Amino acid sequence: MALLPVRQTQQVNIDFITPWTQERGGILCYAVASGIEFAEYSYSAIGRPFGIQLNDVEHINLNYQVDPRRLKDSDLPFGTVGIGIQGDFYTDWIHIVGNLHMGDTAYVGMSGTITNDSSLGGAIIGKFISPLKVDPHRIVMRGLGFSRQYMDTITKQILWENNPADRVWVYSPGFAKIRITL
């Protein structure tokens, strides 16, 4: 549920891919591996932020009938992903230290979260424009489940298109509205 539809998107970047399956609503940072430039949720707060991820990235097997509503809000791994670089977004990818007040500066936190703590070393991405709406729950950083499990006809091994055991959970204290200005 990470990013609520209550948002005002002013500018979107669609120049980068995201290779991992991950939920929308967190801050994507610049990464390079084997000469490929991509955007991902950074494990540390240090990184060059691009903006907020607008769609889920998950494996969807298009050979089967797929719910059209699921396709509308999803991107495939190694496909371009929508990154909101300017606008107001209501998200639960937040890591709050102490109390959250309207007007507090928003920084990049660990695992793509948005924090009010400058001591983590993350770059400034905007400001909080609402108080915290308390709703403690877990959100999925990576591994959104799988679209199917099948047997390889050559090796006879059971394969997963996206193994749910790879799932990484992140704790969220609730929702807050963020004004992203990158």
Protein backbone atom coordinates (compact mmCIF):
# COMPACT_ATOMS: atom_id res chain seq x y z
CA MET A 1 0.00 0.00 0.00
CA ALA A 2 3.09 2.23 0.30
CA LEU A 3 2.01 5.16 -1.89
CA LEU A 4 -1.55 6.41 -1.63
CA PRO A 5 -3.35 7.80 -4.68
CA VAL A 6 -3.77 11.11 -2.81
CA ARG A 7 -0.95 12.93 -4.59
CA GLN A 8 -0.14 15.81 -6.87
CA THR A 9 2.62 14.84 -9.28
CA GLN A 10 4.26 17.79 -11.01
CA GLN A 11 7.29 16.21 -12.70
CA VAL A 12 8.21 12.58 -13.51
CA ASN A 13 11.51 11.03 -14.66
CA ILE A 14 11.31 7.87 -16.80
CA ASP A 15 14.97 7.62 -17.81
CA PHE A 16 16.10 4.76 -15.55
CA ILE A 17 15.38 1.07 -15.04
CA THR A 18 14.83 -0.71 -11.75
CA PRO A 19 16.13 -4.29 -11.80
CA TRP A 20 14.62 -5.49 -8.51
CA THR A 21 11.05 -6.21 -7.51
CA GLN A 22 10.03 -3.60 -4.95
CA GLU A 23 7.02 -1.71 -3.68
CA ARG A 24 6.24 1.90 -4.65
CA GLY A 25 6.54 4.84 -2.27
CA GLY A 26 10.24 4.98 -1.34
CA ILE A 27 13.12 7.13 -2.56
CA LEU A 28 15.12 5.69 -5.44
CA CYS A 29 18.85 6.42 -5.60
CA TYR A 30 21.40 6.24 -8.42
CA ALA A 31 23.37 2.98 -8.75
CA VAL A 32 25.80 1.43 -11.27
CA ALA A 33 26.66 -2.24 -11.74
CA SER A 34 28.65 -3.69 -14.67
CA GLY A 35 28.35 -0.39 -16.49
CA ILE A 36 24.53 -0.32 -16.26
CA GLU A 37 23.00 2.74 -14.61
CA PHE A 38 19.78 2.11 -12.69
CA ALA A 39 17.67 3.32 -9.78
CA GLU A 40 17.15 1.29 -6.59
CA TYR A 41 16.35 1.59 -2.91
CA SER A 42 19.76 2.22 -1.38
CA TYR A 43 20.69 0.18 1.70
CA SER A 44 22.38 3.20 3.26
CA ALA A 45 21.20 6.80 3.44
CA ILE A 46 24.16 8.00 1.39
CA GLY A 47 23.35 8.17 -2.30
CA ARG A 48 22.21 10.50 -5.02
CA PRO A 49 18.40 10.55 -4.78
CA PHE A 50 16.27 10.58 -7.93
CA GLY A 51 12.79 10.83 -6.44
CA ILE A 52 9.90 8.71 -5.22
CA GLN A 53 9.01 5.41 -6.95
CA LEU A 54 5.51 5.70 -8.44
CA ASN A 55 4.72 2.08 -9.42
CA ASP A 56 5.35 -1.37 -8.00
CA VAL A 57 8.04 -3.34 -9.82
CA GLU A 58 7.11 -7.04 -9.92
CA HIS A 59 7.30 -10.11 -12.11
CA ILE A 60 4.07 -10.61 -14.03
CA ASN A 61 3.77 -13.53 -16.42
CA LEU A 62 1.99 -12.01 -19.39
CA ASN A 63 1.31 -15.48 -20.89
CA TYR A 64 -1.52 -15.84 -18.41
CA GLN A 65 -4.61 -13.70 -18.04
CA VAL A 66 -3.64 -10.78 -15.85
CA ASP A 67 -5.92 -8.40 -13.97
CA PRO A 68 -5.76 -5.09 -15.94
CA ARG A 69 -5.81 -3.07 -12.68
CA ARG A 70 -2.60 -4.84 -11.64
CA LEU A 71 -0.87 -3.95 -14.91
CA LYS A 72 -1.79 -0.27 -14.56
CA ASP A 73 0.13 0.12 -11.27
CA SER A 74 3.04 -2.23 -12.02
CA ASP A 75 6.30 -2.17 -13.93
CA LEU A 76 8.42 -5.19 -14.85
CA PRO A 77 12.00 -5.64 -13.56
CA PHE A 78 14.58 -4.07 -15.91
CA GLY A 79 11.87 -1.86 -17.38
CA THR A 80 11.76 1.89 -16.97
CA VAL A 81 10.05 3.00 -13.79
CA GLY A 82 8.21 6.24 -13.07
CA ILE A 83 10.10 8.40 -10.56
CA GLY A 84 8.32 11.42 -9.11
CA ILE A 85 10.91 14.18 -8.79
CA GLN A 86 8.55 16.99 -7.88
CA GLY A 87 5.14 17.02 -6.22
CA ASP A 88 3.20 16.11 -3.07
CA PHE A 89 3.02 12.41 -2.16
CA TYR A 90 1.29 10.57 0.71
CA THR A 91 3.57 7.64 1.60
CA ASP A 92 4.39 5.22 4.41
CA TRP A 93 8.07 4.75 3.48
CA ILE A 94 9.10 6.87 6.43
CA HIS A 95 11.56 6.45 9.28
CA ILE A 96 10.71 8.99 11.97
CA VAL A 97 13.12 9.94 14.76
CA GLY A 98 11.36 11.75 17.61
CA ASN A 99 8.27 13.75 16.72
CA LEU A 100 7.25 14.70 13.19
CA HIS A 101 6.01 18.24 12.61
CA MET A 102 4.67 19.94 9.51
CA GLY A 103 7.50 21.79 7.78
CA ASP A 104 10.26 19.44 8.98
CA THR A 105 12.99 18.86 6.40
CA ALA A 106 12.80 15.44 4.68
CA TYR A 107 16.02 13.48 4.11
CA VAL A 108 16.82 10.21 2.34
CA GLY A 109 16.89 7.40 4.91
CA MET A 110 18.02 3.79 4.85
CA SER A 111 16.31 1.30 2.52
CA GLY A 112 14.70 4.07 0.50
CA THR A 113 12.80 5.49 3.46
CA ILE A 114 12.19 9.19 4.08
CA THR A 115 13.34 10.52 7.45
CA ASN A 116 13.40 13.68 9.52
CA ASP A 117 16.85 12.82 10.96
CA SER A 118 19.77 14.67 9.36
CA SER A 119 22.35 12.61 11.29
CA LEU A 120 21.87 9.65 8.92
CA GLY A 121 23.80 11.57 6.26
CA GLY A 122 21.13 11.52 3.57
CA ALA A 123 20.49 14.32 1.10
CA ILE A 124 17.60 16.76 1.50
CA ILE A 125 14.69 15.76 -0.76
CA GLY A 126 11.95 18.14 0.40
CA LYS A 127 9.79 18.62 3.48
CA PHE A 128 6.95 17.04 5.41
CA ILE A 129 3.67 18.87 4.82
CA SER A 130 1.46 16.85 7.17
CA PRO A 131 1.77 15.33 10.63
CA LEU A 132 2.26 11.57 11.02
CA LYS A 133 -0.93 9.52 10.62
CA VAL A 134 -0.09 6.69 13.03
CA ASP A 135 -0.69 3.26 11.47
CA PRO A 136 2.20 0.87 12.35
CA HIS A 137 2.69 -1.90 9.77
CA ARG A 138 5.31 -3.65 7.62
CA ILE A 139 5.97 -2.85 3.98
CA VAL A 140 7.85 -4.84 1.34
CA MET A 141 11.21 -3.46 0.25
CA ARG A 142 11.98 -6.27 -2.19
CA GLY A 143 10.36 -9.50 -3.34
CA LEU A 144 6.67 -8.80 -3.93
CA GLY A 145 5.81 -12.50 -4.24
CA PHE A 146 5.73 -14.60 -7.38
CA SER A 147 3.50 -14.85 -10.42
CA ARG A 148 4.00 -18.59 -10.87
CA GLN A 149 5.99 -21.67 -9.95
CA TYR A 150 6.83 -24.18 -12.68
CA MET A 151 9.01 -27.19 -13.52
CA ASP A 152 11.82 -26.71 -16.04
CA THR A 153 11.31 -29.35 -18.74
CA ILE A 154 15.07 -29.91 -19.18
CA THR A 155 16.45 -29.91 -15.63
CA LYS A 156 13.20 -31.05 -13.93
CA GLN A 157 13.80 -28.48 -11.20
CA ILE A 158 11.03 -26.41 -9.63
CA LEU A 159 11.64 -22.77 -10.55
CA TRP A 160 10.11 -19.54 -9.26
CA GLU A 161 9.76 -16.41 -11.35
CA ASN A 162 10.15 -14.41 -8.15
CA ASN A 163 10.88 -16.34 -4.97
CA PRO A 164 8.87 -15.07 -1.97
CA ALA A 165 11.73 -16.18 0.29
CA ASP A 166 13.69 -13.20 -1.09
CA ARG A 167 11.18 -10.84 0.50
CA VAL A 168 12.65 -8.04 2.64
CA TRP A 169 10.34 -6.27 5.08
CA VAL A 170 10.70 -2.71 6.40
CA TYR A 171 8.77 -1.33 9.39
CA SER A 172 6.65 1.80 8.91
CA PRO A 173 5.10 3.87 11.73
CA GLY A 174 2.33 5.20 9.47
CA PHE A 175 1.69 7.71 6.68
CA ALA A 176 2.84 11.28 6.06
CA LYS A 177 2.53 13.70 3.16
CA ILE A 178 5.86 14.72 1.64
CA ARG A 179 6.65 17.56 -0.76
CA ILE A 180 9.47 16.28 -2.99
CA THR A 181 11.61 19.02 -4.59
CA LEU A 182 14.58 17.50 -6.40
